[in-house]
Amino acid sequence: MDQEKIDRINTLYHKSQAVGLTEEEKAEQARLRREYIEAIRASLRGSLNNISIQEKDGSITDLGKKYGNVGKE
């Protein structure tokens, strides 16, 4: 998500606290918040899919392949 959209989310929040929002602005705020949350989830999912752990026996378990459906068709 680009900085312009994040700034717009913040602007709408501050306006909602000060004077309130129109119905169109409320809809825009909800849409932008959903988009922001989706971007955060995708980023977190990408990070988690790149984690590997070393087991006690010395083997390496790629958690992205095991749990994250990475590399599966």
PDB file of N, CA and C in Angstrom:
ATOM      1  N   MET A   1       0.857  -1.170   0.000  1.00  0.00           N
ATOM      2  CA  MET A   1       0.000   0.000   0.000  1.00  0.00           C
ATOM      3  C   MET A   1       0.903   1.233   0.000  1.00  0.00           C
ATOM      4  N   ASP A   2       0.564   2.192  -0.830  1.00  0.00           N
ATOM      5  CA  ASP A   2       1.413   3.376  -0.931  1.00  0.00           C
ATOM      6  C   ASP A   2       1.106   4.392   0.178  1.00  0.00           C
ATOM      7  N   GLN A   3       2.046   5.284   0.371  1.00  0.00           N
ATOM      8  CA  GLN A   3       1.953   6.264   1.459  1.00  0.00           C
ATOM      9  C   GLN A   3       0.768   7.199   1.283  1.00  0.00           C
ATOM     10  N   GLU A   4       0.398   7.470   0.053  1.00  0.00           N
ATOM     11  CA  GLU A   4      -0.735   8.360  -0.209  1.00  0.00           C
ATOM     12  C   GLU A   4      -2.033   7.801   0.386  1.00  0.00           C
ATOM     13  N   LYS A   5      -2.236   6.497   0.242  1.00  0.00           N
ATOM     14  CA  LYS A   5      -3.441   5.871   0.791  1.00  0.00           C
ATOM     15  C   LYS A   5      -3.410   5.843   2.318  1.00  0.00           C
ATOM     16  N   ILE A   6      -2.239   5.605   2.885  1.00  0.00           N
ATOM     17  CA  ILE A   6      -2.104   5.612   4.345  1.00  0.00           C
ATOM     18  C   ILE A   6      -2.396   7.014   4.881  1.00  0.00           C
ATOM     19  N   ASP A   7      -1.891   8.028   4.196  1.00  0.00           N
ATOM     20  CA  ASP A   7      -2.169   9.406   4.597  1.00  0.00           C
ATOM     21  C   ASP A   7      -3.670   9.705   4.524  1.00  0.00           C
ATOM     22  N   ARG A   8      -4.326   9.169   3.497  1.00  0.00           N
ATOM     23  CA  ARG A   8      -5.775   9.390   3.353  1.00  0.00           C
ATOM     24  C   ARG A   8      -6.533   8.713   4.503  1.00  0.00           C
ATOM     25  N   ILE A   9      -6.113   7.512   4.897  1.00  0.00           N
ATOM     26  CA  ILE A   9      -6.733   6.832   6.047  1.00  0.00           C
ATOM     27  C   ILE A   9      -6.617   7.712   7.289  1.00  0.00           C
ATOM     28  N   ASN A  10      -5.431   8.260   7.507  1.00  0.00           N
ATOM     29  CA  ASN A  10      -5.205   9.107   8.674  1.00  0.00           C
ATOM     30  C   ASN A  10      -6.023  10.390   8.609  1.00  0.00           C
ATOM     31  N   THR A  11      -6.105  10.984   7.425  1.00  0.00           N
ATOM     32  CA  THR A  11      -6.898  12.199   7.251  1.00  0.00           C
ATOM     33  C   THR A  11      -8.366  11.939   7.577  1.00  0.00           C
ATOM     34  N   LEU A  12      -8.888  10.834   7.060  1.00  0.00           N
ATOM     35  CA  LEU A  12     -10.293  10.501   7.326  1.00  0.00           C
ATOM     36  C   LEU A  12     -10.519  10.221   8.808  1.00  0.00           C
ATOM     37  N   TYR A  13      -9.568   9.571   9.453  1.00  0.00           N
ATOM     38  CA  TYR A  13      -9.707   9.313  10.889  1.00  0.00           C
ATOM     39  C   TYR A  13      -9.781  10.625  11.670  1.00  0.00           C
ATOM     40  N   HIS A  14      -8.855  11.527  11.381  1.00  0.00           N
ATOM     41  CA  HIS A  14      -8.840  12.801  12.111  1.00  0.00           C
ATOM     42  C   HIS A  14     -10.106  13.620  11.840  1.00  0.00           C
ATOM     43  N   LYS A  15     -10.584  13.576  10.616  1.00  0.00           N
ATOM     44  CA  LYS A  15     -11.811  14.290  10.294  1.00  0.00           C
ATOM     45  C   LYS A  15     -12.998  13.668  11.022  1.00  0.00           C
ATOM     46  N   SER A  16     -13.014  12.330  11.126  1.00  0.00           N
ATOM     47  CA  SER A  16     -14.124  11.665  11.825  1.00  0.00           C
ATOM     48  C   SER A  16     -14.149  12.050  13.303  1.00  0.00           C
ATOM     49  N   GLN A  17     -12.984  12.265  13.879  1.00  0.00           N
ATOM     50  CA  GLN A  17     -12.915  12.665  15.285  1.00  0.00           C
ATOM     51  C   GLN A  17     -13.323  14.123  15.472  1.00  0.00           C
ATOM     52  N   ALA A  18     -13.023  14.956  14.493  1.00  0.00           N
ATOM     53  CA  ALA A  18     -13.277  16.394  14.617  1.00  0.00           C
ATOM     54  C   ALA A  18     -14.715  16.769  14.257  1.00  0.00           C
ATOM     55  N   VAL A  19     -15.154  16.405  13.057  1.00  0.00           N
ATOM     56  CA  VAL A  19     -16.459  16.875  12.591  1.00  0.00           C
ATOM     57  C   VAL A  19     -17.369  15.765  12.085  1.00  0.00           C
ATOM     58  N   GLY A  20     -16.836  14.576  11.900  1.00  0.00           N
ATOM     59  CA  GLY A  20     -17.642  13.486  11.364  1.00  0.00           C
ATOM     60  C   GLY A  20     -17.421  13.321   9.868  1.00  0.00           C
ATOM     61  N   LEU A  21     -17.896  12.197   9.353  1.00  0.00           N
ATOM     62  CA  LEU A  21     -17.701  11.880   7.943  1.00  0.00           C
ATOM     63  C   LEU A  21     -19.041  11.757   7.233  1.00  0.00           C
ATOM     64  N   THR A  22     -19.023  12.044   5.946  1.00  0.00           N
ATOM     65  CA  THR A  22     -20.199  11.796   5.125  1.00  0.00           C
ATOM     66  C   THR A  22     -20.282  10.293   4.861  1.00  0.00           C
ATOM     67  N   GLU A  23     -21.393   9.848   4.324  1.00  0.00           N
ATOM     68  CA  GLU A  23     -21.548   8.422   4.018  1.00  0.00           C
ATOM     69  C   GLU A  23     -20.511   7.964   2.997  1.00  0.00           C
ATOM     70  N   GLU A  24     -20.215   8.803   2.015  1.00  0.00           N
ATOM     71  CA  GLU A  24     -19.212   8.459   1.013  1.00  0.00           C
ATOM     72  C   GLU A  24     -17.828   8.328   1.645  1.00  0.00           C
ATOM     73  N   GLU A  25     -17.512   9.231   2.555  1.00  0.00           N
ATOM     74  CA  GLU A  25     -16.216   9.169   3.228  1.00  0.00           C
ATOM     75  C   GLU A  25     -16.127   7.947   4.136  1.00  0.00           C
ATOM     76  N   LYS A  26     -17.229   7.592   4.787  1.00  0.00           N
ATOM     77  CA  LYS A  26     -17.236   6.384   5.617  1.00  0.00           C
ATOM     78  C   LYS A  26     -16.977   5.146   4.765  1.00  0.00           C
ATOM     79  N   ALA A  27     -17.592   5.096   3.587  1.00  0.00           N
ATOM     80  CA  ALA A  27     -17.385   3.966   2.680  1.00  0.00           C
ATOM     81  C   ALA A  27     -15.935   3.927   2.195  1.00  0.00           C
ATOM     82  N   GLU A  28     -15.387   5.092   1.873  1.00  0.00           N
ATOM     83  CA  GLU A  28     -13.994   5.169   1.437  1.00  0.00           C
ATOM     84  C   GLU A  28     -13.056   4.722   2.549  1.00  0.00           C
ATOM     85  N   GLN A  29     -13.333   5.170   3.757  1.00  0.00           N
ATOM     86  CA  GLN A  29     -12.512   4.798   4.907  1.00  0.00           C
ATOM     87  C   GLN A  29     -12.543   3.281   5.122  1.00  0.00           C
ATOM     88  N   ALA A  30     -13.705   2.685   5.049  1.00  0.00           N
ATOM     89  CA  ALA A  30     -13.837   1.238   5.227  1.00  0.00           C
ATOM     90  C   ALA A  30     -13.073   0.484   4.134  1.00  0.00           C
ATOM     91  N   ARG A  31     -13.191   0.959   2.887  1.00  0.00           N
ATOM     92  CA  ARG A  31     -12.490   0.316   1.764  1.00  0.00           C
ATOM     93  C   ARG A  31     -10.981   0.407   1.943  1.00  0.00           C
ATOM     94  N   LEU A  32     -10.498   1.597   2.311  1.00  0.00           N
ATOM     95  CA  LEU A  32      -9.059   1.783   2.504  1.00  0.00           C
ATOM     96  C   LEU A  32      -8.540   0.952   3.668  1.00  0.00           C
ATOM     97  N   ARG A  33      -9.312   0.850   4.730  1.00  0.00           N
ATOM     98  CA  ARG A  33      -8.893   0.033   5.873  1.00  0.00           C
ATOM     99  C   ARG A  33      -8.818  -1.438   5.499  1.00  0.00           C
ATOM    100  N   ARG A  34      -9.798  -1.933   4.727  1.00  0.00           N
ATOM    101  CA  ARG A  34      -9.762  -3.335   4.275  1.00  0.00           C
ATOM    102  C   ARG A  34      -8.528  -3.588   3.415  1.00  0.00           C
ATOM    103  N   GLU A  35      -8.249  -2.643   2.516  1.00  0.00           N
ATOM    104  CA  GLU A  35      -7.086  -2.769   1.643  1.00  0.00           C
ATOM    105  C   GLU A  35      -5.794  -2.784   2.463  1.00  0.00           C
ATOM    106  N   TYR A  36      -5.722  -1.930   3.482  1.00  0.00           N
ATOM    107  CA  TYR A  36      -4.548  -1.872   4.347  1.00  0.00           C
ATOM    108  C   TYR A  36      -4.365  -3.190   5.086  1.00  0.00           C
ATOM    109  N   ILE A  37      -5.429  -3.730   5.645  1.00  0.00           N
ATOM    110  CA  ILE A  37      -5.353  -4.992   6.380  1.00  0.00           C
ATOM    111  C   ILE A  37      -4.935  -6.128   5.454  1.00  0.00           C
ATOM    112  N   GLU A  38      -5.465  -6.160   4.242  1.00  0.00           N
ATOM    113  CA  GLU A  38      -5.072  -7.184   3.270  1.00  0.00           C
ATOM    114  C   GLU A  38      -3.579  -7.094   2.952  1.00  0.00           C
ATOM    115  N   ALA A  39      -3.055  -5.877   2.827  1.00  0.00           N
ATOM    116  CA  ALA A  39      -1.632  -5.685   2.539  1.00  0.00           C
ATOM    117  C   ALA A  39      -0.777  -6.172   3.709  1.00  0.00           C
ATOM    118  N   ILE A  40      -1.213  -5.889   4.927  1.00  0.00           N
ATOM    119  CA  ILE A  40      -0.477  -6.338   6.111  1.00  0.00           C
ATOM    120  C   ILE A  40      -0.489  -7.857   6.187  1.00  0.00           C
ATOM    121  N   ARG A  41      -1.639  -8.465   5.962  1.00  0.00           N
ATOM    122  CA  ARG A  41      -1.741  -9.929   5.998  1.00  0.00           C
ATOM    123  C   ARG A  41      -0.845 -10.574   4.945  1.00  0.00           C
ATOM    124  N   ALA A  42      -0.833 -10.026   3.737  1.00  0.00           N
ATOM    125  CA  ALA A  42       0.004 -10.582   2.676  1.00  0.00           C
ATOM    126  C   ALA A  42       1.480 -10.467   3.036  1.00  0.00           C
ATOM    127  N   SER A  43       1.863  -9.352   3.612  1.00  0.00           N
ATOM    128  CA  SER A  43       3.250  -9.158   4.018  1.00  0.00           C
ATOM    129  C   SER A  43       3.629 -10.144   5.116  1.00  0.00           C
ATOM    130  N   LEU A  44       2.775 -10.296   6.104  1.00  0.00           N
ATOM    131  CA  LEU A  44       3.038 -11.217   7.203  1.00  0.00           C
ATOM    132  C   LEU A  44       3.090 -12.658   6.693  1.00  0.00           C
ATOM    133  N   ARG A  45       2.150 -13.015   5.818  1.00  0.00           N
ATOM    134  CA  ARG A  45       2.126 -14.362   5.252  1.00  0.00           C
ATOM    135  C   ARG A  45       3.414 -14.638   4.484  1.00  0.00           C
ATOM    136  N   GLY A  46       3.883 -13.667   3.723  1.00  0.00           N
ATOM    137  CA  GLY A  46       5.128 -13.821   2.987  1.00  0.00           C
ATOM    138  C   GLY A  46       6.317 -14.018   3.909  1.00  0.00           C
ATOM    139  N   SER A  47       6.343 -13.264   4.993  1.00  0.00           N
ATOM    140  CA  SER A  47       7.438 -13.404   5.959  1.00  0.00           C
ATOM    141  C   SER A  47       7.397 -14.767   6.638  1.00  0.00           C
ATOM    142  N   LEU A  48       6.221 -15.183   7.059  1.00  0.00           N
ATOM    143  CA  LEU A  48       6.094 -16.463   7.752  1.00  0.00           C
ATOM    144  C   LEU A  48       6.414 -17.642   6.840  1.00  0.00           C
ATOM    145  N   ASN A  49       6.104 -17.514   5.569  1.00  0.00           N
ATOM    146  CA  ASN A  49       6.389 -18.596   4.628  1.00  0.00           C
ATOM    147  C   ASN A  49       7.877 -18.765   4.359  1.00  0.00           C
ATOM    148  N   ASN A  50       8.686 -17.814   4.775  1.00  0.00           N
ATOM    149  CA  ASN A  50      10.133 -17.897   4.570  1.00  0.00           C
ATOM    150  C   ASN A  50      10.883 -18.327   5.820  1.00  0.00           C
ATOM    151  N   ILE A  51      10.186 -18.868   6.798  1.00  0.00           N
ATOM    152  CA  ILE A  51      10.819 -19.294   8.047  1.00  0.00           C
ATOM    153  C   ILE A  51      11.145 -20.779   7.966  1.00  0.00           C
ATOM    154  N   SER A  52      12.361 -21.107   8.344  1.00  0.00           N
ATOM    155  CA  SER A  52      12.785 -22.493   8.474  1.00  0.00           C
ATOM    156  C   SER A  52      13.309 -22.681   9.892  1.00  0.00           C
ATOM    157  N   ILE A  53      13.057 -23.859  10.449  1.00  0.00           N
ATOM    158  CA  ILE A  53      13.562 -24.126  11.793  1.00  0.00           C
ATOM    159  C   ILE A  53      14.442 -25.368  11.762  1.00  0.00           C
ATOM    160  N   GLN A  54      15.430 -25.375  12.639  1.00  0.00           N
ATOM    161  CA  GLN A  54      16.295 -26.536  12.742  1.00  0.00           C
ATOM    162  C   GLN A  54      15.776 -27.395  13.882  1.00  0.00           C
ATOM    163  N   GLU A  55      15.468 -28.638  13.565  1.00  0.00           N
ATOM    164  CA  GLU A  55      14.954 -29.574  14.552  1.00  0.00           C
ATOM    165  C   GLU A  55      16.097 -30.070  15.433  1.00  0.00           C
ATOM    166  N   LYS A  56      15.756 -30.743  16.542  1.00  0.00           N
ATOM    167  CA  LYS A  56      16.766 -31.255  17.466  1.00  0.00           C
ATOM    168  C   LYS A  56      17.691 -32.259  16.793  1.00  0.00           C
ATOM    169  N   ASP A  57      17.166 -32.994  15.812  1.00  0.00           N
ATOM    170  CA  ASP A  57      17.989 -33.990  15.120  1.00  0.00           C
ATOM    171  C   ASP A  57      18.876 -33.367  14.041  1.00  0.00           C
ATOM    172  N   GLY A  58      18.796 -32.054  13.859  1.00  0.00           N
ATOM    173  CA  GLY A  58      19.637 -31.352  12.894  1.00  0.00           C
ATOM    174  C   GLY A  58      18.972 -31.103  11.556  1.00  0.00           C
ATOM    175  N   SER A  59      17.831 -31.718  11.320  1.00  0.00           N
ATOM    176  CA  SER A  59      17.141 -31.503  10.049  1.00  0.00           C
ATOM    177  C   SER A  59      16.499 -30.121  10.026  1.00  0.00           C
ATOM    178  N   ILE A  60      16.291 -29.631   8.822  1.00  0.00           N
ATOM    179  CA  ILE A  60      15.699 -28.305   8.635  1.00  0.00           C
ATOM    180  C   ILE A  60      14.265 -28.492   8.145  1.00  0.00           C
ATOM    181  N   THR A  61      13.320 -27.830   8.806  1.00  0.00           N
ATOM    182  CA  THR A  61      11.921 -27.864   8.398  1.00  0.00           C
ATOM    183  C   THR A  61      11.546 -26.505   7.837  1.00  0.00           C
ATOM    184  N   ASP A  62      11.145 -26.474   6.582  1.00  0.00           N
ATOM    185  CA  ASP A  62      10.691 -25.248   5.934  1.00  0.00           C
ATOM    186  C   ASP A  62       9.208 -25.089   6.256  1.00  0.00           C
ATOM    187  N   LEU A  63       8.875 -24.146   7.107  1.00  0.00           N
ATOM    188  CA  LEU A  63       7.490 -23.980   7.542  1.00  0.00           C
ATOM    189  C   LEU A  63       6.585 -23.499   6.418  1.00  0.00           C
ATOM    190  N   GLY A  64       7.132 -22.774   5.454  1.00  0.00           N
ATOM    191  CA  GLY A  64       6.336 -22.333   4.315  1.00  0.00           C
ATOM    192  C   GLY A  64       5.845 -23.509   3.491  1.00  0.00           C
ATOM    193  N   LYS A  65       6.708 -24.484   3.300  1.00  0.00           N
ATOM    194  CA  LYS A  65       6.302 -25.669   2.540  1.00  0.00           C
ATOM    195  C   LYS A  65       5.398 -26.573   3.369  1.00  0.00           C
ATOM    196  N   LYS A  66       5.662 -26.651   4.673  1.00  0.00           N
ATOM    197  CA  LYS A  66       4.906 -27.557   5.531  1.00  0.00           C
ATOM    198  C   LYS A  66       3.505 -27.031   5.828  1.00  0.00           C
ATOM    199  N   TYR A  67       3.387 -25.737   6.123  1.00  0.00           N
ATOM    200  CA  TYR A  67       2.105 -25.181   6.553  1.00  0.00           C
ATOM    201  C   TYR A  67       1.539 -24.112   5.633  1.00  0.00           C
ATOM    202  N   GLY A  68       2.373 -23.447   4.868  1.00  0.00           N
ATOM    203  CA  GLY A  68       1.933 -22.294   4.105  1.00  0.00           C
ATOM    204  C   GLY A  68       1.566 -22.538   2.668  1.00  0.00           C
ATOM    205  N   ASN A  69       1.522 -23.786   2.244  1.00  0.00           N
ATOM    206  CA  ASN A  69       1.198 -24.129   0.858  1.00  0.00           C
ATOM    207  C   ASN A  69       2.170 -23.514  -0.143  1.00  0.00           C
ATOM    208  N   VAL A  70       3.415 -23.323   0.251  1.00  0.00           N
ATOM    209  CA  VAL A  70       4.423 -22.801  -0.654  1.00  0.00           C
ATOM    210  C   VAL A  70       4.973 -23.969  -1.460  1.00  0.00           C
ATOM    211  N   GLY A  71       5.011 -23.812  -2.757  1.00  0.00           N
ATOM    212  CA  GLY A  71       5.557 -24.852  -3.617  1.00  0.00           C
ATOM    213  C   GLY A  71       4.563 -25.951  -3.942  1.00  0.00           C
ATOM    214  N   LYS A  72       3.333 -25.837  -3.478  1.00  0.00           N
ATOM    215  CA  LYS A  72       2.309 -26.830  -3.777  1.00  0.00           C
ATOM    216  C   LYS A  72       1.445 -26.327  -4.926  1.00  0.00           C
ATOM    217  N   GLU A  73       0.982 -27.215  -5.729  1.00  0.00           N
ATOM    218  CA  GLU A  73       0.156 -26.843  -6.884  1.00  0.00           C
ATOM    219  C   GLU A  73      -1.294 -26.805  -6.492  1.00  0.00           C
TER     220      GLU A  73
END
